[in-house]
Amino acid sequence: MTEDQEKAYEVEYKEWHDEFTCKCCGVNTYDIDEYYMVKKVIWKLVAGVVNGMLCIGCFESSIGRKLTPNDFTSCPLNEGFSHMQSERLLDRLGDMAYRLL
């Protein structure tokens, strides 16, 4: 890989990585393993206020309650097969991955 290619890769990676920044507190949700999908009806509670990623804490602050397994969509992202998940996210998901198999 040439030096120019390395620089281009670093710029592209930073742009991709920055997309995971929590729009409220600024923590990177990728770095803390808190990226997930909630049901549309739950997302609409914050969609008018936030456009982008939210960590679990900021999402819960925005809706005024703790997330429950029923708030999450049925998708591989939430089942954790492709990435690590934080303890906080695992707590909110409960046994969801096992129920979806």
PDB file of N, CA and C in Angstrom:
ATOM      1  N   MET A   1       0.852  -1.174   0.000  1.00  0.00           N
ATOM      2  CA  MET A   1       0.000   0.000   0.000  1.00  0.00           C
ATOM      3  C   MET A   1       0.899   1.239   0.000  1.00  0.00           C
ATOM      4  N   THR A   2       0.593   2.173  -0.869  1.00  0.00           N
ATOM      5  CA  THR A   2       1.392   3.391  -0.947  1.00  0.00           C
ATOM      6  C   THR A   2       1.033   4.326   0.206  1.00  0.00           C
ATOM      7  N   GLU A   3       1.846   5.334   0.405  1.00  0.00           N
ATOM      8  CA  GLU A   3       1.583   6.319   1.464  1.00  0.00           C
ATOM      9  C   GLU A   3       0.267   7.051   1.208  1.00  0.00           C
ATOM     10  N   ASP A   4      -0.009   7.392  -0.048  1.00  0.00           N
ATOM     11  CA  ASP A   4      -1.268   8.070  -0.393  1.00  0.00           C
ATOM     12  C   ASP A   4      -2.467   7.165  -0.117  1.00  0.00           C
ATOM     13  N   GLN A   5      -2.330   5.883  -0.409  1.00  0.00           N
ATOM     14  CA  GLN A   5      -3.411   4.938  -0.154  1.00  0.00           C
ATOM     15  C   GLN A   5      -3.647   4.787   1.347  1.00  0.00           C
ATOM     16  N   GLU A   6      -2.574   4.764   2.113  1.00  0.00           N
ATOM     17  CA  GLU A   6      -2.699   4.677   3.567  1.00  0.00           C
ATOM     18  C   GLU A   6      -3.410   5.896   4.129  1.00  0.00           C
ATOM     19  N   LYS A   7      -3.056   7.071   3.647  1.00  0.00           N
ATOM     20  CA  LYS A   7      -3.704   8.305   4.104  1.00  0.00           C
ATOM     21  C   LYS A   7      -5.184   8.307   3.734  1.00  0.00           C
ATOM     22  N   ALA A   8      -5.497   7.867   2.514  1.00  0.00           N
ATOM     23  CA  ALA A   8      -6.897   7.808   2.067  1.00  0.00           C
ATOM     24  C   ALA A   8      -7.689   6.839   2.942  1.00  0.00           C
ATOM     25  N   TYR A   9      -7.066   5.706   3.262  1.00  0.00           N
ATOM     26  CA  TYR A   9      -7.716   4.726   4.128  1.00  0.00           C
ATOM     27  C   TYR A   9      -7.974   5.312   5.514  1.00  0.00           C
ATOM     28  N   GLU A  10      -6.990   6.004   6.068  1.00  0.00           N
ATOM     29  CA  GLU A  10      -7.147   6.605   7.394  1.00  0.00           C
ATOM     30  C   GLU A  10      -8.282   7.621   7.411  1.00  0.00           C
ATOM     31  N   VAL A  11      -8.392   8.426   6.363  1.00  0.00           N
ATOM     32  CA  VAL A  11      -9.469   9.414   6.266  1.00  0.00           C
ATOM     33  C   VAL A  11     -10.820   8.703   6.169  1.00  0.00           C
ATOM     34  N   GLU A  12     -10.889   7.687   5.322  1.00  0.00           N
ATOM     35  CA  GLU A  12     -12.134   6.937   5.155  1.00  0.00           C
ATOM     36  C   GLU A  12     -12.534   6.246   6.453  1.00  0.00           C
ATOM     37  N   TYR A  13     -11.558   5.645   7.143  1.00  0.00           N
ATOM     38  CA  TYR A  13     -11.844   4.979   8.412  1.00  0.00           C
ATOM     39  C   TYR A  13     -12.344   5.979   9.447  1.00  0.00           C
ATOM     40  N   LYS A  14     -11.710   7.135   9.537  1.00  0.00           N
ATOM     41  CA  LYS A  14     -12.133   8.146  10.512  1.00  0.00           C
ATOM     42  C   LYS A  14     -13.562   8.602  10.236  1.00  0.00           C
ATOM     43  N   GLU A  15     -13.895   8.823   8.959  1.00  0.00           N
ATOM     44  CA  GLU A  15     -15.261   9.243   8.616  1.00  0.00           C
ATOM     45  C   GLU A  15     -16.266   8.163   9.016  1.00  0.00           C
ATOM     46  N   TRP A  16     -15.933   6.888   8.712  1.00  0.00           N
ATOM     47  CA  TRP A  16     -16.812   5.784   9.074  1.00  0.00           C
ATOM     48  C   TRP A  16     -16.938   5.690  10.592  1.00  0.00           C
ATOM     49  N   HIS A  17     -15.813   5.750  11.290  1.00  0.00           N
ATOM     50  CA  HIS A  17     -15.788   5.627  12.743  1.00  0.00           C
ATOM     51  C   HIS A  17     -16.577   6.758  13.405  1.00  0.00           C
ATOM     52  N   ASP A  18     -16.460   7.959  12.863  1.00  0.00           N
ATOM     53  CA  ASP A  18     -17.163   9.117  13.430  1.00  0.00           C
ATOM     54  C   ASP A  18     -18.685   8.986  13.340  1.00  0.00           C
ATOM     55  N   GLU A  19     -19.183   8.182  12.410  1.00  0.00           N
ATOM     56  CA  GLU A  19     -20.631   7.979  12.288  1.00  0.00           C
ATOM     57  C   GLU A  19     -21.216   7.301  13.521  1.00  0.00           C
ATOM     58  N   PHE A  20     -20.374   6.659  14.313  1.00  0.00           N
ATOM     59  CA  PHE A  20     -20.818   5.953  15.511  1.00  0.00           C
ATOM     60  C   PHE A  20     -20.814   6.839  16.753  1.00  0.00           C
ATOM     61  N   THR A  21     -20.513   8.119  16.615  1.00  0.00           N
ATOM     62  CA  THR A  21     -20.463   9.022  17.761  1.00  0.00           C
ATOM     63  C   THR A  21     -21.869   9.309  18.278  1.00  0.00           C
ATOM     64  N   CYS A  22     -22.064   9.153  19.587  1.00  0.00           N
ATOM     65  CA  CYS A  22     -23.344   9.471  20.205  1.00  0.00           C
ATOM     66  C   CYS A  22     -23.615  10.960  20.011  1.00  0.00           C
ATOM     67  N   LYS A  23     -24.780  11.269  19.498  1.00  0.00           N
ATOM     68  CA  LYS A  23     -25.123  12.649  19.179  1.00  0.00           C
ATOM     69  C   LYS A  23     -25.416  13.489  20.423  1.00  0.00           C
ATOM     70  N   CYS A  24     -25.517  12.859  21.571  1.00  0.00           N
ATOM     71  CA  CYS A  24     -25.764  13.612  22.803  1.00  0.00           C
ATOM     72  C   CYS A  24     -24.505  13.819  23.632  1.00  0.00           C
ATOM     73  N   CYS A  25     -23.805  12.725  23.959  1.00  0.00           N
ATOM     74  CA  CYS A  25     -22.667  12.848  24.877  1.00  0.00           C
ATOM     75  C   CYS A  25     -21.306  12.797  24.188  1.00  0.00           C
ATOM     76  N   GLY A  26     -21.270  12.360  22.927  1.00  0.00           N
ATOM     77  CA  GLY A  26     -20.015  12.352  22.176  1.00  0.00           C
ATOM     78  C   GLY A  26     -19.180  11.091  22.294  1.00  0.00           C
ATOM     79  N   VAL A  27     -19.614  10.106  23.098  1.00  0.00           N
ATOM     80  CA  VAL A  27     -18.874   8.844  23.188  1.00  0.00           C
ATOM     81  C   VAL A  27     -19.047   8.098  21.859  1.00  0.00           C
ATOM     82  N   ASN A  28     -18.040   7.328  21.483  1.00  0.00           N
ATOM     83  CA  ASN A  28     -18.153   6.561  20.248  1.00  0.00           C
ATOM     84  C   ASN A  28     -18.805   5.218  20.579  1.00  0.00           C
ATOM     85  N   THR A  29     -20.012   5.004  20.049  1.00  0.00           N
ATOM     86  CA  THR A  29     -20.773   3.798  20.366  1.00  0.00           C
ATOM     87  C   THR A  29     -20.116   2.534  19.818  1.00  0.00           C
ATOM     88  N   TYR A  30     -19.314   2.667  18.781  1.00  0.00           N
ATOM     89  CA  TYR A  30     -18.567   1.516  18.259  1.00  0.00           C
ATOM     90  C   TYR A  30     -17.495   1.093  19.261  1.00  0.00           C
ATOM     91  N   ASP A  31     -16.804   2.082  19.805  1.00  0.00           N
ATOM     92  CA  ASP A  31     -15.729   1.798  20.757  1.00  0.00           C
ATOM     93  C   ASP A  31     -16.239   1.153  22.043  1.00  0.00           C
ATOM     94  N   ILE A  32     -17.462   1.503  22.457  1.00  0.00           N
ATOM     95  CA  ILE A  32     -18.006   0.939  23.700  1.00  0.00           C
ATOM     96  C   ILE A  32     -18.973  -0.211  23.427  1.00  0.00           C
ATOM     97  N   ASP A  33     -19.056  -0.660  22.182  1.00  0.00           N
ATOM     98  CA  ASP A  33     -19.896  -1.807  21.791  1.00  0.00           C
ATOM     99  C   ASP A  33     -21.370  -1.588  22.085  1.00  0.00           C
ATOM    100  N   GLU A  34     -21.854  -0.389  21.747  1.00  0.00           N
ATOM    101  CA  GLU A  34     -23.271  -0.085  21.937  1.00  0.00           C
ATOM    102  C   GLU A  34     -23.890   0.435  20.647  1.00  0.00           C
ATOM    103  N   TYR A  35     -23.962  -0.423  19.674  1.00  0.00           N
ATOM    104  CA  TYR A  35     -24.728  -0.090  18.477  1.00  0.00           C
ATOM    105  C   TYR A  35     -25.773  -1.173  18.306  1.00  0.00           C
ATOM    106  N   TYR A  36     -26.977  -0.745  18.022  1.00  0.00           N
ATOM    107  CA  TYR A  36     -28.155  -1.592  18.120  1.00  0.00           C
ATOM    108  C   TYR A  36     -29.269  -0.976  17.282  1.00  0.00           C
ATOM    109  N   MET A  37     -30.374  -1.693  17.151  1.00  0.00           N
ATOM    110  CA  MET A  37     -31.546  -1.160  16.455  1.00  0.00           C
ATOM    111  C   MET A  37     -32.775  -1.353  17.331  1.00  0.00           C
ATOM    112  N   VAL A  38     -33.534  -0.275  17.499  1.00  0.00           N
ATOM    113  CA  VAL A  38     -34.796  -0.359  18.228  1.00  0.00           C
ATOM    114  C   VAL A  38     -35.939  -0.308  17.219  1.00  0.00           C
ATOM    115  N   LYS A  39     -37.104  -0.687  17.671  1.00  0.00           N
ATOM    116  CA  LYS A  39     -38.293  -0.662  16.814  1.00  0.00           C
ATOM    117  C   LYS A  39     -38.605   0.779  16.416  1.00  0.00           C
ATOM    118  N   LYS A  40     -39.224   0.939  15.256  1.00  0.00           N
ATOM    119  CA  LYS A  40     -39.523   2.280  14.737  1.00  0.00           C
ATOM    120  C   LYS A  40     -40.342   3.101  15.715  1.00  0.00           C
ATOM    121  N   VAL A  41     -41.302   2.496  16.374  1.00  0.00           N
ATOM    122  CA  VAL A  41     -42.144   3.237  17.315  1.00  0.00           C
ATOM    123  C   VAL A  41     -41.311   3.796  18.474  1.00  0.00           C
ATOM    124  N   ILE A  42     -40.274   3.084  18.882  1.00  0.00           N
ATOM    125  CA  ILE A  42     -39.390   3.560  19.947  1.00  0.00           C
ATOM    126  C   ILE A  42     -38.465   4.649  19.408  1.00  0.00           C
ATOM    127  N   TRP A  43     -37.910   4.435  18.211  1.00  0.00           N
ATOM    128  CA  TRP A  43     -37.008   5.428  17.611  1.00  0.00           C
ATOM    129  C   TRP A  43     -37.726   6.751  17.401  1.00  0.00           C
ATOM    130  N   LYS A  44     -39.003   6.710  17.037  1.00  0.00           N
ATOM    131  CA  LYS A  44     -39.767   7.943  16.789  1.00  0.00           C
ATOM    132  C   LYS A  44     -39.869   8.818  18.036  1.00  0.00           C
ATOM    133  N   LEU A  45     -39.667   8.229  19.213  1.00  0.00           N
ATOM    134  CA  LEU A  45     -39.686   9.027  20.445  1.00  0.00           C
ATOM    135  C   LEU A  45     -38.534  10.019  20.498  1.00  0.00           C
ATOM    136  N   VAL A  46     -37.421   9.714  19.813  1.00  0.00           N
ATOM    137  CA  VAL A  46     -36.264  10.614  19.808  1.00  0.00           C
ATOM    138  C   VAL A  46     -35.909  11.115  18.413  1.00  0.00           C
ATOM    139  N   ALA A  47     -36.525  10.561  17.372  1.00  0.00           N
ATOM    140  CA  ALA A  47     -36.144  10.883  15.995  1.00  0.00           C
ATOM    141  C   ALA A  47     -36.277  12.369  15.667  1.00  0.00           C
ATOM    142  N   GLY A  48     -37.223  13.047  16.255  1.00  0.00           N
ATOM    143  CA  GLY A  48     -37.369  14.466  15.988  1.00  0.00           C
ATOM    144  C   GLY A  48     -36.282  15.305  16.628  1.00  0.00           C
ATOM    145  N   VAL A  49     -35.624  14.734  17.622  1.00  0.00           N
ATOM    146  CA  VAL A  49     -34.596  15.438  18.370  1.00  0.00           C
ATOM    147  C   VAL A  49     -33.193  15.047  17.917  1.00  0.00           C
ATOM    148  N   VAL A  50     -33.004  13.789  17.576  1.00  0.00           N
ATOM    149  CA  VAL A  50     -31.676  13.255  17.269  1.00  0.00           C
ATOM    150  C   VAL A  50     -31.685  12.559  15.919  1.00  0.00           C
ATOM    151  N   ASN A  51     -30.662  12.833  15.127  1.00  0.00           N
ATOM    152  CA  ASN A  51     -30.482  12.145  13.858  1.00  0.00           C
ATOM    153  C   ASN A  51     -29.103  11.503  13.876  1.00  0.00           C
ATOM    154  N   GLY A  52     -29.035  10.238  14.215  1.00  0.00           N
ATOM    155  CA  GLY A  52     -27.756   9.543  14.301  1.00  0.00           C
ATOM    156  C   GLY A  52     -27.735   8.578  15.463  1.00  0.00           C
ATOM    157  N   MET A  53     -26.551   8.212  15.880  1.00  0.00           N
ATOM    158  CA  MET A  53     -26.358   7.215  16.936  1.00  0.00           C
ATOM    159  C   MET A  53     -26.553   7.816  18.325  1.00  0.00           C
ATOM    160  N   LEU A  54     -27.004   6.962  19.231  1.00  0.00           N
ATOM    161  CA  LEU A  54     -27.093   7.310  20.651  1.00  0.00           C
ATOM    162  C   LEU A  54     -26.582   6.130  21.462  1.00  0.00           C
ATOM    163  N   CYS A  55     -25.805   6.406  22.490  1.00  0.00           N
ATOM    164  CA  CYS A  55     -25.432   5.333  23.416  1.00  0.00           C
ATOM    165  C   CYS A  55     -26.690   4.957  24.201  1.00  0.00           C
ATOM    166  N   ILE A  56     -26.645   3.829  24.872  1.00  0.00           N
ATOM    167  CA  ILE A  56     -27.806   3.361  25.638  1.00  0.00           C
ATOM    168  C   ILE A  56     -28.230   4.394  26.684  1.00  0.00           C
ATOM    169  N   GLY A  57     -27.277   4.951  27.405  1.00  0.00           N
ATOM    170  CA  GLY A  57     -27.603   5.923  28.453  1.00  0.00           C
ATOM    171  C   GLY A  57     -28.325   7.147  27.923  1.00  0.00           C
ATOM    172  N   CYS A  58     -27.846   7.696  26.824  1.00  0.00           N
ATOM    173  CA  CYS A  58     -28.485   8.884  26.249  1.00  0.00           C
ATOM    174  C   CYS A  58     -29.847   8.549  25.646  1.00  0.00           C
ATOM    175  N   PHE A  59     -29.964   7.374  25.047  1.00  0.00           N
ATOM    176  CA  PHE A  59     -31.264   6.978  24.504  1.00  0.00           C
ATOM    177  C   PHE A  59     -32.279   6.873  25.638  1.00  0.00           C
ATOM    178  N   GLU A  60     -31.875   6.206  26.709  1.00  0.00           N
ATOM    179  CA  GLU A  60     -32.787   6.056  27.840  1.00  0.00           C
ATOM    180  C   GLU A  60     -33.128   7.395  28.484  1.00  0.00           C
ATOM    181  N   SER A  61     -32.174   8.287  28.579  1.00  0.00           N
ATOM    182  CA  SER A  61     -32.458   9.627  29.107  1.00  0.00           C
ATOM    183  C   SER A  61     -33.461  10.344  28.220  1.00  0.00           C
ATOM    184  N   SER A  62     -33.334  10.157  26.914  1.00  0.00           N
ATOM    185  CA  SER A  62     -34.222  10.819  25.961  1.00  0.00           C
ATOM    186  C   SER A  62     -35.662  10.327  26.054  1.00  0.00           C
ATOM    187  N   ILE A  63     -35.845   9.027  26.343  1.00  0.00           N
ATOM    188  CA  ILE A  63     -37.212   8.496  26.424  1.00  0.00           C
ATOM    189  C   ILE A  63     -37.729   8.418  27.862  1.00  0.00           C
ATOM    190  N   GLY A  64     -36.854   8.690  28.821  1.00  0.00           N
ATOM    191  CA  GLY A  64     -37.287   8.745  30.212  1.00  0.00           C
ATOM    192  C   GLY A  64     -37.493   7.392  30.879  1.00  0.00           C
ATOM    193  N   ARG A  65     -36.893   6.348  30.321  1.00  0.00           N
ATOM    194  CA  ARG A  65     -37.019   5.029  30.931  1.00  0.00           C
ATOM    195  C   ARG A  65     -35.916   4.106  30.421  1.00  0.00           C
ATOM    196  N   LYS A  66     -35.776   2.970  31.084  1.00  0.00           N
ATOM    197  CA  LYS A  66     -34.813   1.959  30.685  1.00  0.00           C
ATOM    198  C   LYS A  66     -35.366   1.166  29.488  1.00  0.00           C
ATOM    199  N   LEU A  67     -34.507   0.874  28.515  1.00  0.00           N
ATOM    200  CA  LEU A  67     -34.910   0.040  27.389  1.00  0.00           C
ATOM    201  C   LEU A  67     -35.156  -1.392  27.855  1.00  0.00           C
ATOM    202  N   THR A  68     -36.084  -2.070  27.195  1.00  0.00           N
ATOM    203  CA  THR A  68     -36.399  -3.464  27.501  1.00  0.00           C
ATOM    204  C   THR A  68     -36.203  -4.303  26.247  1.00  0.00           C
ATOM    205  N   PRO A  69     -36.120  -5.619  26.374  1.00  0.00           N
ATOM    206  CA  PRO A  69     -35.959  -6.461  25.189  1.00  0.00           C
ATOM    207  C   PRO A  69     -37.025  -6.221  24.117  1.00  0.00           C
ATOM    208  N   ASN A  70     -38.234  -5.897  24.516  1.00  0.00           N
ATOM    209  CA  ASN A  70     -39.310  -5.659  23.550  1.00  0.00           C
ATOM    210  C   ASN A  70     -39.131  -4.385  22.732  1.00  0.00           C
ATOM    211  N   ASP A  71     -38.205  -3.516  23.139  1.00  0.00           N
ATOM    212  CA  ASP A  71     -37.940  -2.275  22.398  1.00  0.00           C
ATOM    213  C   ASP A  71     -37.061  -2.508  21.175  1.00  0.00           C
ATOM    214  N   PHE A  72     -36.346  -3.620  21.138  1.00  0.00           N
ATOM    215  CA  PHE A  72     -35.371  -3.879  20.083  1.00  0.00           C
ATOM    216  C   PHE A  72     -35.979  -4.655  18.921  1.00  0.00           C
ATOM    217  N   THR A  73     -35.458  -4.391  17.733  1.00  0.00           N
ATOM    218  CA  THR A  73     -35.916  -5.113  16.546  1.00  0.00           C
ATOM    219  C   THR A  73     -35.315  -6.511  16.519  1.00  0.00           C
ATOM    220  N   SER A  74     -35.933  -7.351  15.766  1.00  0.00           N
ATOM    221  CA  SER A  74     -35.425  -8.703  15.545  1.00  0.00           C
ATOM    222  C   SER A  74     -34.466  -8.656  14.355  1.00  0.00           C
ATOM    223  N   CYS A  75     -33.174  -8.555  14.643  1.00  0.00           N
ATOM    224  CA  CYS A  75     -32.182  -8.476  13.571  1.00  0.00           C
ATOM    225  C   CYS A  75     -30.844  -9.010  14.067  1.00  0.00           C
ATOM    226  N   PRO A  76     -29.966  -9.465  13.161  1.00  0.00           N
ATOM    227  CA  PRO A  76     -28.668  -9.998  13.562  1.00  0.00           C
ATOM    228  C   PRO A  76     -27.827  -9.016  14.384  1.00  0.00           C
ATOM    229  N   LEU A  77     -27.960  -7.722  14.108  1.00  0.00           N
ATOM    230  CA  LEU A  77     -27.198  -6.730  14.866  1.00  0.00           C
ATOM    231  C   LEU A  77     -27.475  -6.864  16.367  1.00  0.00           C
ATOM    232  N   ASN A  78     -28.730  -7.027  16.721  1.00  0.00           N
ATOM    233  CA  ASN A  78     -29.098  -7.141  18.138  1.00  0.00           C
ATOM    234  C   ASN A  78     -28.795  -8.517  18.717  1.00  0.00           C
ATOM    235  N   GLU A  79     -28.634  -9.504  17.865  1.00  0.00           N
ATOM    236  CA  GLU A  79     -28.331 -10.849  18.335  1.00  0.00           C
ATOM    237  C   GLU A  79     -26.850 -11.002  18.672  1.00  0.00           C
ATOM    238  N   GLY A  80     -26.021 -10.044  18.240  1.00  0.00           N
ATOM    239  CA  GLY A  80     -24.619 -10.033  18.619  1.00  0.00           C
ATOM    240  C   GLY A  80     -23.732 -11.045  17.929  1.00  0.00           C
ATOM    241  N   PHE A  81     -24.176 -11.590  16.823  1.00  0.00           N
ATOM    242  CA  PHE A  81     -23.362 -12.590  16.142  1.00  0.00           C
ATOM    243  C   PHE A  81     -22.181 -11.979  15.401  1.00  0.00           C
ATOM    244  N   SER A  82     -22.250 -10.694  15.085  1.00  0.00           N
ATOM    245  CA  SER A  82     -21.195 -10.079  14.275  1.00  0.00           C
ATOM    246  C   SER A  82     -20.283  -9.140  15.058  1.00  0.00           C
ATOM    247  N   HIS A  83     -20.569  -8.902  16.327  1.00  0.00           N
ATOM    248  CA  HIS A  83     -19.766  -7.954  17.093  1.00  0.00           C
ATOM    249  C   HIS A  83     -19.960  -8.168  18.592  1.00  0.00           C
ATOM    250  N   MET A  84     -19.084  -7.568  19.357  1.00  0.00           N
ATOM    251  CA  MET A  84     -19.206  -7.592  20.813  1.00  0.00           C
ATOM    252  C   MET A  84     -20.327  -6.640  21.230  1.00  0.00           C
ATOM    253  N   GLN A  85     -20.879  -6.857  22.408  1.00  0.00           N
ATOM    254  CA  GLN A  85     -21.911  -5.982  22.946  1.00  0.00           C
ATOM    255  C   GLN A  85     -21.547  -5.630  24.386  1.00  0.00           C
ATOM    256  N   SER A  86     -21.774  -4.361  24.750  1.00  0.00           N
ATOM    257  CA  SER A  86     -21.442  -3.918  26.103  1.00  0.00           C
ATOM    258  C   SER A  86     -22.321  -4.632  27.127  1.00  0.00           C
ATOM    259  N   GLU A  87     -21.869  -4.639  28.366  1.00  0.00           N
ATOM    260  CA  GLU A  87     -22.670  -5.230  29.448  1.00  0.00           C
ATOM    261  C   GLU A  87     -24.016  -4.526  29.557  1.00  0.00           C
ATOM    262  N   ARG A  88     -24.006  -3.206  29.388  1.00  0.00           N
ATOM    263  CA  ARG A  88     -25.250  -2.435  29.488  1.00  0.00           C
ATOM    264  C   ARG A  88     -26.219  -2.831  28.381  1.00  0.00           C
ATOM    265  N   LEU A  89     -25.722  -2.983  27.148  1.00  0.00           N
ATOM    266  CA  LEU A  89     -26.580  -3.399  26.038  1.00  0.00           C
ATOM    267  C   LEU A  89     -27.082  -4.824  26.263  1.00  0.00           C
ATOM    268  N   LEU A  90     -26.208  -5.719  26.686  1.00  0.00           N
ATOM    269  CA  LEU A  90     -26.628  -7.097  26.956  1.00  0.00           C
ATOM    270  C   LEU A  90     -27.722  -7.139  28.024  1.00  0.00           C
ATOM    271  N   ASP A  91     -27.585  -6.283  29.037  1.00  0.00           N
ATOM    272  CA  ASP A  91     -28.598  -6.209  30.085  1.00  0.00           C
ATOM    273  C   ASP A  91     -29.951  -5.810  29.502  1.00  0.00           C
ATOM    274  N   ARG A  92     -29.956  -4.830  28.601  1.00  0.00           N
ATOM    275  CA  ARG A  92     -31.221  -4.356  28.029  1.00  0.00           C
ATOM    276  C   ARG A  92     -31.821  -5.365  27.049  1.00  0.00           C
ATOM    277  N   LEU A  93     -30.952  -6.069  26.324  1.00  0.00           N
ATOM    278  CA  LEU A  93     -31.430  -7.074  25.370  1.00  0.00           C
ATOM    279  C   LEU A  93     -31.977  -8.311  26.072  1.00  0.00           C
ATOM    280  N   GLY A  94     -31.522  -8.566  27.277  1.00  0.00           N
ATOM    281  CA  GLY A  94     -31.962  -9.757  28.001  1.00  0.00           C
ATOM    282  C   GLY A  94     -31.605 -11.014  27.230  1.00  0.00           C
ATOM    283  N   ASP A  95     -32.536 -11.948  27.141  1.00  0.00           N
ATOM    284  CA  ASP A  95     -32.279 -13.196  26.419  1.00  0.00           C
ATOM    285  C   ASP A  95     -32.770 -13.115  24.977  1.00  0.00           C
ATOM    286  N   MET A  96     -32.866 -11.908  24.452  1.00  0.00           N
ATOM    287  CA  MET A  96     -33.421 -11.695  23.116  1.00  0.00           C
ATOM    288  C   MET A  96     -32.763 -12.586  22.055  1.00  0.00           C
ATOM    289  N   ALA A  97     -31.462 -12.689  22.054  1.00  0.00           N
ATOM    290  CA  ALA A  97     -30.793 -13.489  21.035  1.00  0.00           C
ATOM    291  C   ALA A  97     -31.267 -14.928  21.058  1.00  0.00           C
ATOM    292  N   TYR A  98     -31.514 -15.444  22.237  1.00  0.00           N
ATOM    293  CA  TYR A  98     -31.967 -16.831  22.356  1.00  0.00           C
ATOM    294  C   TYR A  98     -33.420 -16.976  21.918  1.00  0.00           C
ATOM    295  N   ARG A  99     -34.220 -15.977  22.147  1.00  0.00           N
ATOM    296  CA  ARG A  99     -35.646 -16.039  21.744  1.00  0.00           C
ATOM    297  C   ARG A  99     -35.788 -15.962  20.232  1.00  0.00           C
ATOM    298  N   LEU A 100     -34.806 -15.327  19.570  1.00  0.00           N
ATOM    299  CA  LEU A 100     -34.926 -15.108  18.128  1.00  0.00           C
ATOM    300  C   LEU A 100     -34.401 -16.270  17.306  1.00  0.00           C
ATOM    301  N   LEU A 101     -33.710 -17.211  17.901  1.00  0.00           N
ATOM    302  CA  LEU A 101     -33.133 -18.330  17.142  1.00  0.00           C
ATOM    303  C   LEU A 101     -34.206 -19.247  16.605  1.00  0.00           C
TER     304      LEU A 101
END
